[in-house]
Amino acid sequence: MKAAENTLQGGIAVSEAFEKFLRDGEDGGFHILYAQVRRGGEVTDDWAWVPARPRFESFSTSKSFVGAGVGIALEEGLLRLDERVIESFPEESRGVTAPYAFDITVRDMLTMTSGVSNTMFWREGRERRHEKDWVRYFFEHGRFEHRPGTTFLYNNANSYMLGCLIEKKSGRNLREYLRWRLFEPLEIHNPEWTSCPMGHTVAANSLSINADELGRFGQMLADGGVYNGRRLVPEAYVKEMLTSHTETGEILPSHPGLSGGYGYQIWIDRALNAAFLWGIFGQYCVILPEKNAVVTVMALQKDDGGSNGQYDVSPLRRLIWDDLLTQL
């Protein structure tokens, strides 16, 4: 791709900084599928690898949609931040004796501090391919070794269980619960989100989306939960969602000496006062509420034949931070 030959996307002239990012991204070993910058609610820079703008797997960016869904469910009185998750699953949690398993709250799962010390439901995990009842598997095979709220561990199980909890309370799986409450108001029509064998939304990943749709979600968060004049998520909850509640150990490009934080199903860069959705292989939506700006990138890392299945997206993150965020 030669960025200079594609300086117009839908009539939008892209900036020099944006063109530099596209070139640097390709030179750095990434296929840039989409890239978009929003300022003041308007798209100011835009690139699409395919003009038709098809949807692609967004991987873990979908976790932040789970976080927003919890905020909606709280507003509707379906959930409480301090309620114990296990109380809603008496049939699947039979036989559980680990004391900490009974103390995990909605807030703990939102912040990835449930205390479970083993990760679950990764794409390459055996249980994802062979287990039917993932909720039962969580309670039966989870190692509840840490006091909830004290230890950060990024874990797909937390997001999945939050989706199942919303389903338990609302009678609809997470995708259907959010269809008219979040997706349709954001003009994300007929959302494609994979279900587990029991019909529960996978939640932690598997949401197919494009940059326009992901950018609109980011803009809604930047605007405190409002989109097109309609409140979708409570303002106070969005503020808490975009606030760091725990340390992660993740190094920030903007400040290498500062560890990244984690809010409610979203990563936090305290140095830039930013929050960001992050999906493996190069999916990002960075929200800077103070600047009313949103940067969205969807990419895939090129396979040079020597990766041995190990992917490192930190170079792309560095380019997003250096080439785009510093220019806003």
C-alpha atoms as a PDB file:
ATOM      1  CA  MET A   1       0.000   0.000   0.000  1.00  0.00           C
ATOM      2  CA  LYS A   2       1.234   3.456  -0.870  1.00  0.00           C
ATOM      3  CA  ALA A   3      -0.485   5.877   1.453  1.00  0.00           C
ATOM      4  CA  ALA A   4       0.221   8.878  -0.767  1.00  0.00           C
ATOM      5  CA  GLU A   5      -1.929   7.320  -3.473  1.00  0.00           C
ATOM      6  CA  ASN A   6      -4.886   7.025  -1.118  1.00  0.00           C
ATOM      7  CA  THR A   7      -5.158  10.431   0.489  1.00  0.00           C
ATOM      8  CA  LEU A   8      -8.891  10.658  -0.002  1.00  0.00           C
ATOM      9  CA  GLN A   9     -11.354   8.364   1.741  1.00  0.00           C
ATOM     10  CA  GLY A  10     -14.959   9.385   1.258  1.00  0.00           C
ATOM     11  CA  GLY A  11     -13.873  12.908   0.356  1.00  0.00           C
ATOM     12  CA  ILE A  12     -11.718  13.327   3.486  1.00  0.00           C
ATOM     13  CA  ALA A  13      -8.178  14.591   2.913  1.00  0.00           C
ATOM     14  CA  VAL A  14      -5.814  12.865   5.315  1.00  0.00           C
ATOM     15  CA  SER A  15      -3.108  14.700   7.245  1.00  0.00           C
ATOM     16  CA  GLU A  16       0.647  14.278   6.846  1.00  0.00           C
ATOM     17  CA  ALA A  17       0.847  12.651  10.277  1.00  0.00           C
ATOM     18  CA  PHE A  18      -1.813  10.151   9.258  1.00  0.00           C
ATOM     19  CA  GLU A  19      -0.010   9.316   6.016  1.00  0.00           C
ATOM     20  CA  LYS A  20       3.201   8.864   7.975  1.00  0.00           C
ATOM     21  CA  PHE A  21       1.456   6.405  10.286  1.00  0.00           C
ATOM     22  CA  LEU A  22       0.165   4.371   7.341  1.00  0.00           C
ATOM     23  CA  ARG A  23       3.639   4.179   5.818  1.00  0.00           C
ATOM     24  CA  ASP A  24       5.317   3.396   9.127  1.00  0.00           C
ATOM     25  CA  GLY A  25       2.770   0.718   9.883  1.00  0.00           C
ATOM     26  CA  GLU A  26       3.322  -1.085   6.609  1.00  0.00           C
ATOM     27  CA  ASP A  27       7.093  -0.708   6.857  1.00  0.00           C
ATOM     28  CA  GLY A  28       6.920  -2.055  10.412  1.00  0.00           C
ATOM     29  CA  GLY A  29       5.343  -5.331   9.325  1.00  0.00           C
ATOM     30  CA  PHE A  30       1.608  -4.675   9.701  1.00  0.00           C
ATOM     31  CA  HIS A  31      -1.249  -4.826   7.221  1.00  0.00           C
ATOM     32  CA  ILE A  32      -3.356  -1.770   8.072  1.00  0.00           C
ATOM     33  CA  LEU A  33      -6.966  -2.723   7.387  1.00  0.00           C
ATOM     34  CA  TYR A  34      -8.546   0.438   8.756  1.00  0.00           C
ATOM     35  CA  ALA A  35      -7.330   3.611  10.377  1.00  0.00           C
ATOM     36  CA  GLN A  36      -9.455   6.552  11.446  1.00  0.00           C
ATOM     37  CA  VAL A  37      -9.140   9.711  13.511  1.00  0.00           C
ATOM     38  CA  ARG A  38     -12.105  11.572  14.995  1.00  0.00           C
ATOM     39  CA  ARG A  39     -11.868  15.067  16.439  1.00  0.00           C
ATOM     40  CA  GLY A  40     -14.775  16.906  17.971  1.00  0.00           C
ATOM     41  CA  GLY A  41     -17.109  14.150  16.861  1.00  0.00           C
ATOM     42  CA  GLU A  42     -16.104  14.394  13.188  1.00  0.00           C
ATOM     43  CA  VAL A  43     -13.965  12.024  11.145  1.00  0.00           C
ATOM     44  CA  THR A  44     -10.884  14.003  10.093  1.00  0.00           C
ATOM     45  CA  ASP A  45      -8.586  11.229   8.798  1.00  0.00           C
ATOM     46  CA  ASP A  46      -9.703   7.963   7.297  1.00  0.00           C
ATOM     47  CA  TRP A  47      -8.220   4.940   5.552  1.00  0.00           C
ATOM     48  CA  ALA A  48      -9.886   1.729   4.435  1.00  0.00           C
ATOM     49  CA  TRP A  49      -7.972  -1.137   2.846  1.00  0.00           C
ATOM     50  CA  VAL A  50     -11.188  -2.310   1.160  1.00  0.00           C
ATOM     51  CA  PRO A  51     -13.631   0.446   0.091  1.00  0.00           C
ATOM     52  CA  ALA A  52     -16.645  -1.733   0.944  1.00  0.00           C
ATOM     53  CA  ARG A  53     -15.474  -1.686   4.591  1.00  0.00           C
ATOM     54  CA  PRO A  54     -16.312  -5.266   5.562  1.00  0.00           C
ATOM     55  CA  ARG A  55     -16.285  -6.337   9.166  1.00  0.00           C
ATOM     56  CA  PHE A  56     -13.315  -8.141  10.680  1.00  0.00           C
ATOM     57  CA  GLU A  57     -12.757  -9.986  13.940  1.00  0.00           C
ATOM     58  CA  SER A  58     -11.947  -7.331  16.552  1.00  0.00           C
ATOM     59  CA  PHE A  59     -10.620  -9.790  19.134  1.00  0.00           C
ATOM     60  CA  SER A  60     -10.466  -8.373  22.684  1.00  0.00           C
ATOM     61  CA  THR A  61     -11.814  -4.941  21.804  1.00  0.00           C
ATOM     62  CA  SER A  62     -15.184  -6.588  22.394  1.00  0.00           C
ATOM     63  CA  LYS A  63     -14.447  -6.675  26.131  1.00  0.00           C
ATOM     64  CA  SER A  64     -15.173  -2.951  26.336  1.00  0.00           C
ATOM     65  CA  PHE A  65     -18.615  -3.557  24.838  1.00  0.00           C
ATOM     66  CA  VAL A  66     -19.140  -5.955  27.743  1.00  0.00           C
ATOM     67  CA  GLY A  67     -18.066  -3.162  30.097  1.00  0.00           C
ATOM     68  CA  ALA A  68     -20.616  -0.781  28.563  1.00  0.00           C
ATOM     69  CA  GLY A  69     -23.271  -3.484  28.775  1.00  0.00           C
ATOM     70  CA  VAL A  70     -22.692  -3.837  32.503  1.00  0.00           C
ATOM     71  CA  GLY A  71     -23.228  -0.091  32.875  1.00  0.00           C
ATOM     72  CA  ILE A  72     -26.570  -0.360  31.100  1.00  0.00           C
ATOM     73  CA  ALA A  73     -27.601  -3.331  33.221  1.00  0.00           C
ATOM     74  CA  LEU A  74     -26.688  -1.426  36.394  1.00  0.00           C
ATOM     75  CA  GLU A  75     -28.869   1.487  35.302  1.00  0.00           C
ATOM     76  CA  GLU A  76     -31.756  -0.896  34.666  1.00  0.00           C
ATOM     77  CA  GLY A  77     -31.399  -2.405  38.125  1.00  0.00           C
ATOM     78  CA  LEU A  78     -30.402  -5.839  36.852  1.00  0.00           C
ATOM     79  CA  LEU A  79     -26.968  -5.801  38.490  1.00  0.00           C
ATOM     80  CA  ARG A  80     -25.052  -4.271  41.388  1.00  0.00           C
ATOM     81  CA  LEU A  81     -21.303  -3.712  41.360  1.00  0.00           C
ATOM     82  CA  ASP A  82     -20.961  -5.375  44.750  1.00  0.00           C
ATOM     83  CA  GLU A  83     -23.153  -8.407  44.087  1.00  0.00           C
ATOM     84  CA  ARG A  84     -21.497 -11.792  44.264  1.00  0.00           C
ATOM     85  CA  VAL A  85     -21.448 -13.475  40.891  1.00  0.00           C
ATOM     86  CA  ILE A  86     -21.702 -17.038  42.196  1.00  0.00           C
ATOM     87  CA  GLU A  87     -25.126 -16.348  43.715  1.00  0.00           C
ATOM     88  CA  SER A  88     -26.673 -16.216  40.245  1.00  0.00           C
ATOM     89  CA  PHE A  89     -25.291 -19.623  39.228  1.00  0.00           C
ATOM     90  CA  PRO A  90     -26.248 -22.098  41.994  1.00  0.00           C
ATOM     91  CA  GLU A  91     -26.706 -24.992  39.560  1.00  0.00           C
ATOM     92  CA  GLU A  92     -23.343 -24.557  37.801  1.00  0.00           C
ATOM     93  CA  SER A  93     -21.367 -23.818  40.966  1.00  0.00           C
ATOM     94  CA  ARG A  94     -22.428 -26.874  42.946  1.00  0.00           C
ATOM     95  CA  GLY A  95     -19.546 -28.471  44.746  1.00  0.00           C
ATOM     96  CA  VAL A  96     -17.407 -25.319  44.834  1.00  0.00           C
ATOM     97  CA  THR A  97     -15.598 -25.073  48.153  1.00  0.00           C
ATOM     98  CA  ALA A  98     -12.845 -22.493  47.538  1.00  0.00           C
ATOM     99  CA  PRO A  99     -13.691 -19.566  49.865  1.00  0.00           C
ATOM    100  CA  TYR A 100     -12.607 -16.848  47.436  1.00  0.00           C
ATOM    101  CA  ALA A 101     -14.978 -18.151  44.765  1.00  0.00           C
ATOM    102  CA  PHE A 102     -17.885 -16.906  46.882  1.00  0.00           C
ATOM    103  CA  ASP A 103     -16.473 -13.394  47.165  1.00  0.00           C
ATOM    104  CA  ILE A 104     -16.051 -12.460  43.472  1.00  0.00           C
ATOM    105  CA  THR A 105     -18.185  -9.447  42.629  1.00  0.00           C
ATOM    106  CA  VAL A 106     -19.228  -7.778  39.396  1.00  0.00           C
ATOM    107  CA  ARG A 107     -16.658  -5.043  40.077  1.00  0.00           C
ATOM    108  CA  ASP A 108     -13.890  -7.633  40.460  1.00  0.00           C
ATOM    109  CA  MET A 109     -14.662  -9.158  37.077  1.00  0.00           C
ATOM    110  CA  LEU A 110     -14.912  -5.741  35.432  1.00  0.00           C
ATOM    111  CA  THR A 111     -11.397  -4.875  36.592  1.00  0.00           C
ATOM    112  CA  MET A 112      -9.852  -8.298  35.889  1.00  0.00           C
ATOM    113  CA  THR A 113      -9.194  -8.810  39.595  1.00  0.00           C
ATOM    114  CA  SER A 114     -11.480 -11.809  40.163  1.00  0.00           C
ATOM    115  CA  GLY A 115      -8.630 -13.646  41.883  1.00  0.00           C
ATOM    116  CA  VAL A 116      -8.729 -16.632  39.533  1.00  0.00           C
ATOM    117  CA  SER A 117      -5.098 -17.568  38.869  1.00  0.00           C
ATOM    118  CA  ASN A 118      -5.553 -19.607  35.679  1.00  0.00           C
ATOM    119  CA  THR A 119      -6.597 -18.072  32.382  1.00  0.00           C
ATOM    120  CA  MET A 120      -9.449 -19.662  30.438  1.00  0.00           C
ATOM    121  CA  PHE A 121     -11.188 -19.642  27.070  1.00  0.00           C
ATOM    122  CA  TRP A 122      -8.267 -18.452  24.968  1.00  0.00           C
ATOM    123  CA  ARG A 123      -8.764 -19.268  21.313  1.00  0.00           C
ATOM    124  CA  GLU A 124      -6.078 -21.948  21.442  1.00  0.00           C
ATOM    125  CA  GLY A 125      -7.383 -23.411  24.701  1.00  0.00           C
ATOM    126  CA  ARG A 126      -8.611 -26.984  24.776  1.00  0.00           C
ATOM    127  CA  GLU A 127     -11.756 -26.091  26.701  1.00  0.00           C
ATOM    128  CA  ARG A 128     -12.879 -23.746  23.954  1.00  0.00           C
ATOM    129  CA  ARG A 129     -12.847 -26.566  21.435  1.00  0.00           C
ATOM    130  CA  HIS A 130     -14.100 -29.428  23.585  1.00  0.00           C
ATOM    131  CA  GLU A 131     -16.130 -28.182  26.569  1.00  0.00           C
ATOM    132  CA  LYS A 132     -19.859 -27.627  26.244  1.00  0.00           C
ATOM    133  CA  ASP A 133     -20.778 -25.871  29.494  1.00  0.00           C
ATOM    134  CA  TRP A 134     -18.268 -23.057  29.976  1.00  0.00           C
ATOM    135  CA  VAL A 135     -19.960 -21.651  33.081  1.00  0.00           C
ATOM    136  CA  ARG A 136     -19.706 -24.983  34.837  1.00  0.00           C
ATOM    137  CA  TYR A 137     -16.126 -25.312  33.613  1.00  0.00           C
ATOM    138  CA  PHE A 138     -15.259 -21.924  35.141  1.00  0.00           C
ATOM    139  CA  PHE A 139     -16.458 -22.918  38.600  1.00  0.00           C
ATOM    140  CA  GLU A 140     -15.156 -26.489  38.386  1.00  0.00           C
ATOM    141  CA  HIS A 141     -11.675 -25.742  37.031  1.00  0.00           C
ATOM    142  CA  GLY A 142     -11.035 -22.189  38.155  1.00  0.00           C
ATOM    143  CA  ARG A 143      -8.190 -21.843  40.646  1.00  0.00           C
ATOM    144  CA  PHE A 144      -9.557 -19.314  43.118  1.00  0.00           C
ATOM    145  CA  GLU A 145      -6.227 -18.597  44.780  1.00  0.00           C
ATOM    146  CA  HIS A 146      -6.262 -14.832  45.374  1.00  0.00           C
ATOM    147  CA  ARG A 147      -8.562 -12.597  47.323  1.00  0.00           C
ATOM    148  CA  PRO A 148     -10.842 -10.882  44.780  1.00  0.00           C
ATOM    149  CA  GLY A 149      -9.978  -7.263  44.109  1.00  0.00           C
ATOM    150  CA  THR A 150      -6.277  -7.645  44.915  1.00  0.00           C
ATOM    151  CA  THR A 151      -4.556  -9.253  41.899  1.00  0.00           C
ATOM    152  CA  PHE A 152      -4.806  -8.291  38.223  1.00  0.00           C
ATOM    153  CA  LEU A 153      -4.906 -11.129  35.693  1.00  0.00           C
ATOM    154  CA  TYR A 154      -6.189 -10.517  32.188  1.00  0.00           C
ATOM    155  CA  ASN A 155      -8.633 -13.355  31.681  1.00  0.00           C
ATOM    156  CA  ASN A 156     -11.301 -14.056  29.055  1.00  0.00           C
ATOM    157  CA  ALA A 157     -13.310 -15.860  31.728  1.00  0.00           C
ATOM    158  CA  ASN A 158     -14.166 -12.590  33.471  1.00  0.00           C
ATOM    159  CA  SER A 159     -15.730 -11.018  30.386  1.00  0.00           C
ATOM    160  CA  TYR A 160     -17.538 -14.226  29.450  1.00  0.00           C
ATOM    161  CA  MET A 161     -19.017 -14.606  32.929  1.00  0.00           C
ATOM    162  CA  LEU A 162     -20.193 -10.981  32.965  1.00  0.00           C
ATOM    163  CA  GLY A 163     -22.042 -11.637  29.709  1.00  0.00           C
ATOM    164  CA  CYS A 164     -23.593 -14.767  31.169  1.00  0.00           C
ATOM    165  CA  LEU A 165     -24.632 -12.836  34.280  1.00  0.00           C
ATOM    166  CA  ILE A 166     -26.414 -10.208  32.176  1.00  0.00           C
ATOM    167  CA  GLU A 167     -28.130 -13.027  30.271  1.00  0.00           C
ATOM    168  CA  LYS A 168     -29.169 -14.665  33.528  1.00  0.00           C
ATOM    169  CA  LYS A 169     -30.760 -11.444  34.745  1.00  0.00           C
ATOM    170  CA  SER A 170     -32.298 -10.227  31.462  1.00  0.00           C
ATOM    171  CA  GLY A 171     -33.341 -13.470  29.791  1.00  0.00           C
ATOM    172  CA  ARG A 172     -31.415 -12.601  26.597  1.00  0.00           C
ATOM    173  CA  ASN A 173     -27.850 -13.359  25.653  1.00  0.00           C
ATOM    174  CA  LEU A 174     -25.499 -10.388  25.669  1.00  0.00           C
ATOM    175  CA  ARG A 175     -25.683  -9.741  21.940  1.00  0.00           C
ATOM    176  CA  GLU A 176     -29.470  -9.589  21.976  1.00  0.00           C
ATOM    177  CA  TYR A 177     -29.548  -7.611  25.225  1.00  0.00           C
ATOM    178  CA  LEU A 178     -27.346  -4.942  23.642  1.00  0.00           C
ATOM    179  CA  ARG A 179     -28.919  -5.007  20.188  1.00  0.00           C
ATOM    180  CA  TRP A 180     -31.446  -2.217  20.791  1.00  0.00           C
ATOM    181  CA  ARG A 181     -29.776  -0.671  23.819  1.00  0.00           C
ATOM    182  CA  LEU A 182     -26.326  -0.110  22.285  1.00  0.00           C
ATOM    183  CA  PHE A 183     -25.665  -1.559  18.841  1.00  0.00           C
ATOM    184  CA  GLU A 184     -28.584  -0.157  16.850  1.00  0.00           C
ATOM    185  CA  PRO A 185     -28.304   3.351  18.388  1.00  0.00           C
ATOM    186  CA  LEU A 186     -24.618   3.293  17.366  1.00  0.00           C
ATOM    187  CA  GLU A 187     -25.639   2.237  13.837  1.00  0.00           C
ATOM    188  CA  ILE A 188     -24.024  -1.167  14.307  1.00  0.00           C
ATOM    189  CA  HIS A 189     -26.727  -3.151  12.568  1.00  0.00           C
ATOM    190  CA  ASN A 190     -27.138  -6.928  12.844  1.00  0.00           C
ATOM    191  CA  PRO A 191     -24.086  -7.369  15.077  1.00  0.00           C
ATOM    192  CA  GLU A 192     -22.120 -10.574  14.560  1.00  0.00           C
ATOM    193  CA  TRP A 193     -20.907 -11.977  17.880  1.00  0.00           C
ATOM    194  CA  THR A 194     -20.113 -15.665  18.310  1.00  0.00           C
ATOM    195  CA  SER A 195     -21.856 -17.820  20.922  1.00  0.00           C
ATOM    196  CA  CYS A 196     -20.492 -20.675  23.015  1.00  0.00           C
ATOM    197  CA  PRO A 197     -21.983 -24.203  22.721  1.00  0.00           C
ATOM    198  CA  MET A 198     -24.669 -23.296  25.285  1.00  0.00           C
ATOM    199  CA  GLY A 199     -25.741 -20.216  23.325  1.00  0.00           C
ATOM    200  CA  HIS A 200     -24.121 -17.639  25.608  1.00  0.00           C
ATOM    201  CA  THR A 201     -22.280 -14.804  23.870  1.00  0.00           C
ATOM    202  CA  VAL A 202     -18.517 -15.419  23.957  1.00  0.00           C
ATOM    203  CA  ALA A 203     -18.173 -11.759  25.003  1.00  0.00           C
ATOM    204  CA  ALA A 204     -14.397 -11.700  25.574  1.00  0.00           C
ATOM    205  CA  ASN A 205     -13.785 -11.618  21.803  1.00  0.00           C
ATOM    206  CA  SER A 206     -15.342 -12.789  18.508  1.00  0.00           C
ATOM    207  CA  LEU A 207     -17.217  -9.560  17.713  1.00  0.00           C
ATOM    208  CA  SER A 208     -16.922  -8.703  14.023  1.00  0.00           C
ATOM    209  CA  ILE A 209     -16.863  -4.979  13.362  1.00  0.00           C
ATOM    210  CA  ASN A 210     -15.294  -2.327  11.140  1.00  0.00           C
ATOM    211  CA  ALA A 211     -13.475   0.896  12.002  1.00  0.00           C
ATOM    212  CA  ASP A 212     -16.529   3.121  11.498  1.00  0.00           C
ATOM    213  CA  GLU A 213     -18.515   1.066  14.000  1.00  0.00           C
ATOM    214  CA  LEU A 214     -15.647   0.767  16.449  1.00  0.00           C
ATOM    215  CA  GLY A 215     -14.969   4.493  16.145  1.00  0.00           C
ATOM    216  CA  ARG A 216     -18.583   5.355  16.897  1.00  0.00           C
ATOM    217  CA  PHE A 217     -18.414   3.259  20.050  1.00  0.00           C
ATOM    218  CA  GLY A 218     -15.255   5.107  21.065  1.00  0.00           C
ATOM    219  CA  GLN A 219     -16.900   8.443  20.327  1.00  0.00           C
ATOM    220  CA  MET A 220     -19.838   7.508  22.541  1.00  0.00           C
ATOM    221  CA  LEU A 221     -17.437   6.866  25.418  1.00  0.00           C
ATOM    222  CA  ALA A 222     -15.532  10.095  24.696  1.00  0.00           C
ATOM    223  CA  ASP A 223     -18.855  11.928  24.934  1.00  0.00           C
ATOM    224  CA  GLY A 224     -19.646  10.431  28.315  1.00  0.00           C
ATOM    225  CA  GLY A 225     -22.097   7.774  27.108  1.00  0.00           C
ATOM    226  CA  VAL A 226     -24.075   9.870  24.608  1.00  0.00           C
ATOM    227  CA  TYR A 227     -24.363   9.301  20.862  1.00  0.00           C
ATOM    228  CA  ASN A 228     -26.424  11.426  18.467  1.00  0.00           C
ATOM    229  CA  GLY A 229     -28.012  13.186  21.428  1.00  0.00           C
ATOM    230  CA  ARG A 230     -29.189   9.936  23.019  1.00  0.00           C
ATOM    231  CA  ARG A 231     -27.788   8.681  26.292  1.00  0.00           C
ATOM    232  CA  LEU A 232     -26.789   5.027  25.982  1.00  0.00           C
ATOM    233  CA  VAL A 233     -24.607   4.481  29.061  1.00  0.00           C
ATOM    234  CA  PRO A 234     -24.860   6.411  32.368  1.00  0.00           C
ATOM    235  CA  GLU A 235     -22.391   9.305  32.526  1.00  0.00           C
ATOM    236  CA  ALA A 236     -21.115   8.469  36.017  1.00  0.00           C
ATOM    237  CA  TYR A 237     -20.500   4.881  34.980  1.00  0.00           C
ATOM    238  CA  VAL A 238     -18.547   5.917  31.867  1.00  0.00           C
ATOM    239  CA  LYS A 239     -16.333   8.077  34.057  1.00  0.00           C
ATOM    240  CA  GLU A 240     -15.613   5.088  36.296  1.00  0.00           C
ATOM    241  CA  MET A 241     -15.179   2.836  33.278  1.00  0.00           C
ATOM    242  CA  LEU A 242     -12.434   5.113  31.929  1.00  0.00           C
ATOM    243  CA  THR A 243     -10.701   5.405  35.314  1.00  0.00           C
ATOM    244  CA  SER A 244      -7.809   3.140  36.325  1.00  0.00           C
ATOM    245  CA  HIS A 245      -8.811   0.837  39.173  1.00  0.00           C
ATOM    246  CA  THR A 246      -5.769  -1.453  39.177  1.00  0.00           C
ATOM    247  CA  GLU A 247      -2.180  -1.685  37.963  1.00  0.00           C
ATOM    248  CA  THR A 248      -1.432  -4.085  35.109  1.00  0.00           C
ATOM    249  CA  GLY A 249       2.325  -4.103  34.601  1.00  0.00           C
ATOM    250  CA  GLU A 250       1.741  -3.236  30.937  1.00  0.00           C
ATOM    251  CA  ILE A 251       4.347  -0.699  29.753  1.00  0.00           C
ATOM    252  CA  LEU A 252       2.932   2.473  28.200  1.00  0.00           C
ATOM    253  CA  PRO A 253       4.444   3.908  24.998  1.00  0.00           C
ATOM    254  CA  SER A 254       3.759   7.431  26.234  1.00  0.00           C
ATOM    255  CA  HIS A 255       5.688   6.911  29.461  1.00  0.00           C
ATOM    256  CA  PRO A 256       7.865   3.755  29.601  1.00  0.00           C
ATOM    257  CA  GLY A 257       8.394   4.170  33.325  1.00  0.00           C
ATOM    258  CA  LEU A 258       4.682   4.117  34.070  1.00  0.00           C
ATOM    259  CA  SER A 259       2.630   0.953  34.254  1.00  0.00           C
ATOM    260  CA  GLY A 260      -0.672   0.941  32.441  1.00  0.00           C
ATOM    261  CA  GLY A 261      -3.903   0.685  34.352  1.00  0.00           C
ATOM    262  CA  TYR A 262      -7.225  -1.045  33.811  1.00  0.00           C
ATOM    263  CA  GLY A 263     -10.709   0.374  34.159  1.00  0.00           C
ATOM    264  CA  TYR A 264     -13.950  -1.476  33.568  1.00  0.00           C
ATOM    265  CA  GLN A 265     -13.009  -3.849  30.722  1.00  0.00           C
ATOM    266  CA  ILE A 266     -10.743  -1.233  29.149  1.00  0.00           C
ATOM    267  CA  TRP A 267      -7.041  -0.329  29.315  1.00  0.00           C
ATOM    268  CA  ILE A 268      -5.952   3.011  30.775  1.00  0.00           C
ATOM    269  CA  ASP A 269      -3.010   5.270  29.867  1.00  0.00           C
ATOM    270  CA  ARG A 270      -2.828   7.673  32.795  1.00  0.00           C
ATOM    271  CA  ALA A 271       0.030   9.658  31.253  1.00  0.00           C
ATOM    272  CA  LEU A 272      -2.173  10.739  28.333  1.00  0.00           C
ATOM    273  CA  ASN A 273      -5.460  10.599  30.264  1.00  0.00           C
ATOM    274  CA  ALA A 274      -6.565   8.108  27.651  1.00  0.00           C
ATOM    275  CA  ALA A 275      -8.415   4.806  27.591  1.00  0.00           C
ATOM    276  CA  PHE A 276      -7.968   2.211  24.895  1.00  0.00           C
ATOM    277  CA  LEU A 277      -9.607  -0.908  23.557  1.00  0.00           C
ATOM    278  CA  TRP A 278      -6.948  -3.442  22.587  1.00  0.00           C
ATOM    279  CA  GLY A 279      -7.325  -6.587  20.529  1.00  0.00           C
ATOM    280  CA  ILE A 280      -4.513  -8.946  19.580  1.00  0.00           C
ATOM    281  CA  PHE A 281      -2.734  -8.628  16.210  1.00  0.00           C
ATOM    282  CA  GLY A 282      -3.297  -4.868  16.053  1.00  0.00           C
ATOM    283  CA  GLN A 283      -6.842  -3.750  16.964  1.00  0.00           C
ATOM    284  CA  TYR A 284      -7.021  -0.441  18.845  1.00  0.00           C
ATOM    285  CA  CYS A 285      -9.525   2.251  19.654  1.00  0.00           C
ATOM    286  CA  VAL A 286      -7.937   5.010  21.747  1.00  0.00           C
ATOM    287  CA  ILE A 287     -10.207   7.499  23.515  1.00  0.00           C
ATOM    288  CA  LEU A 288      -8.989  10.895  24.719  1.00  0.00           C
ATOM    289  CA  PRO A 289     -12.026  12.478  26.413  1.00  0.00           C
ATOM    290  CA  GLU A 290     -10.261  15.738  27.291  1.00  0.00           C
ATOM    291  CA  LYS A 291      -9.476  16.324  23.609  1.00  0.00           C
ATOM    292  CA  ASN A 292     -12.727  14.789  22.350  1.00  0.00           C
ATOM    293  CA  ALA A 293     -10.620  12.642  20.054  1.00  0.00           C
ATOM    294  CA  VAL A 294     -10.767   8.977  19.070  1.00  0.00           C
ATOM    295  CA  VAL A 295      -8.142   7.032  17.110  1.00  0.00           C
ATOM    296  CA  THR A 296      -9.153   3.665  15.662  1.00  0.00           C
ATOM    297  CA  VAL A 297      -6.819   1.185  13.987  1.00  0.00           C
ATOM    298  CA  MET A 298      -7.544  -2.346  12.830  1.00  0.00           C
ATOM    299  CA  ALA A 299      -4.536  -4.257  11.543  1.00  0.00           C
ATOM    300  CA  LEU A 300      -2.959  -7.669  11.127  1.00  0.00           C
ATOM    301  CA  GLN A 301       0.666  -8.491  11.672  1.00  0.00           C
ATOM    302  CA  LYS A 302       2.496  -9.846   8.655  1.00  0.00           C
ATOM    303  CA  ASP A 303       3.883 -13.346   9.053  1.00  0.00           C
ATOM    304  CA  ASP A 304       7.529 -13.319   8.041  1.00  0.00           C
ATOM    305  CA  GLY A 305       7.827 -17.043   8.554  1.00  0.00           C
ATOM    306  CA  GLY A 306       9.886 -16.681  11.678  1.00  0.00           C
ATOM    307  CA  SER A 307       7.365 -15.684  14.310  1.00  0.00           C
ATOM    308  CA  ASN A 308       6.657 -19.250  15.490  1.00  0.00           C
ATOM    309  CA  GLY A 309       3.170 -18.084  16.320  1.00  0.00           C
ATOM    310  CA  GLN A 310       4.432 -15.301  18.597  1.00  0.00           C
ATOM    311  CA  TYR A 311       2.982 -11.904  17.765  1.00  0.00           C
ATOM    312  CA  ASP A 312       4.262  -8.614  19.096  1.00  0.00           C
ATOM    313  CA  VAL A 313       1.943  -5.663  18.553  1.00  0.00           C
ATOM    314  CA  SER A 314       3.932  -3.265  20.721  1.00  0.00           C
ATOM    315  CA  PRO A 315       5.654  -1.717  17.657  1.00  0.00           C
ATOM    316  CA  LEU A 316       2.264  -0.846  16.186  1.00  0.00           C
ATOM    317  CA  ARG A 317       1.114   0.583  19.494  1.00  0.00           C
ATOM    318  CA  ARG A 318       4.241   2.723  19.593  1.00  0.00           C
ATOM    319  CA  LEU A 319       3.464   4.058  16.100  1.00  0.00           C
ATOM    320  CA  ILE A 320      -0.130   4.873  17.044  1.00  0.00           C
ATOM    321  CA  TRP A 321       1.071   6.755  20.101  1.00  0.00           C
ATOM    322  CA  ASP A 322       3.999   8.505  18.377  1.00  0.00           C
ATOM    323  CA  ASP A 323       2.542   9.245  14.941  1.00  0.00           C
ATOM    324  CA  LEU A 324      -1.090   9.964  15.845  1.00  0.00           C
ATOM    325  CA  LEU A 325      -1.812  10.574  19.522  1.00  0.00           C
ATOM    326  CA  THR A 326       1.016  13.083  19.965  1.00  0.00           C
ATOM    327  CA  GLN A 327      -0.358  15.078  17.028  1.00  0.00           C
ATOM    328  CA  LEU A 328      -3.810  15.583  18.531  1.00  0.00           C
END
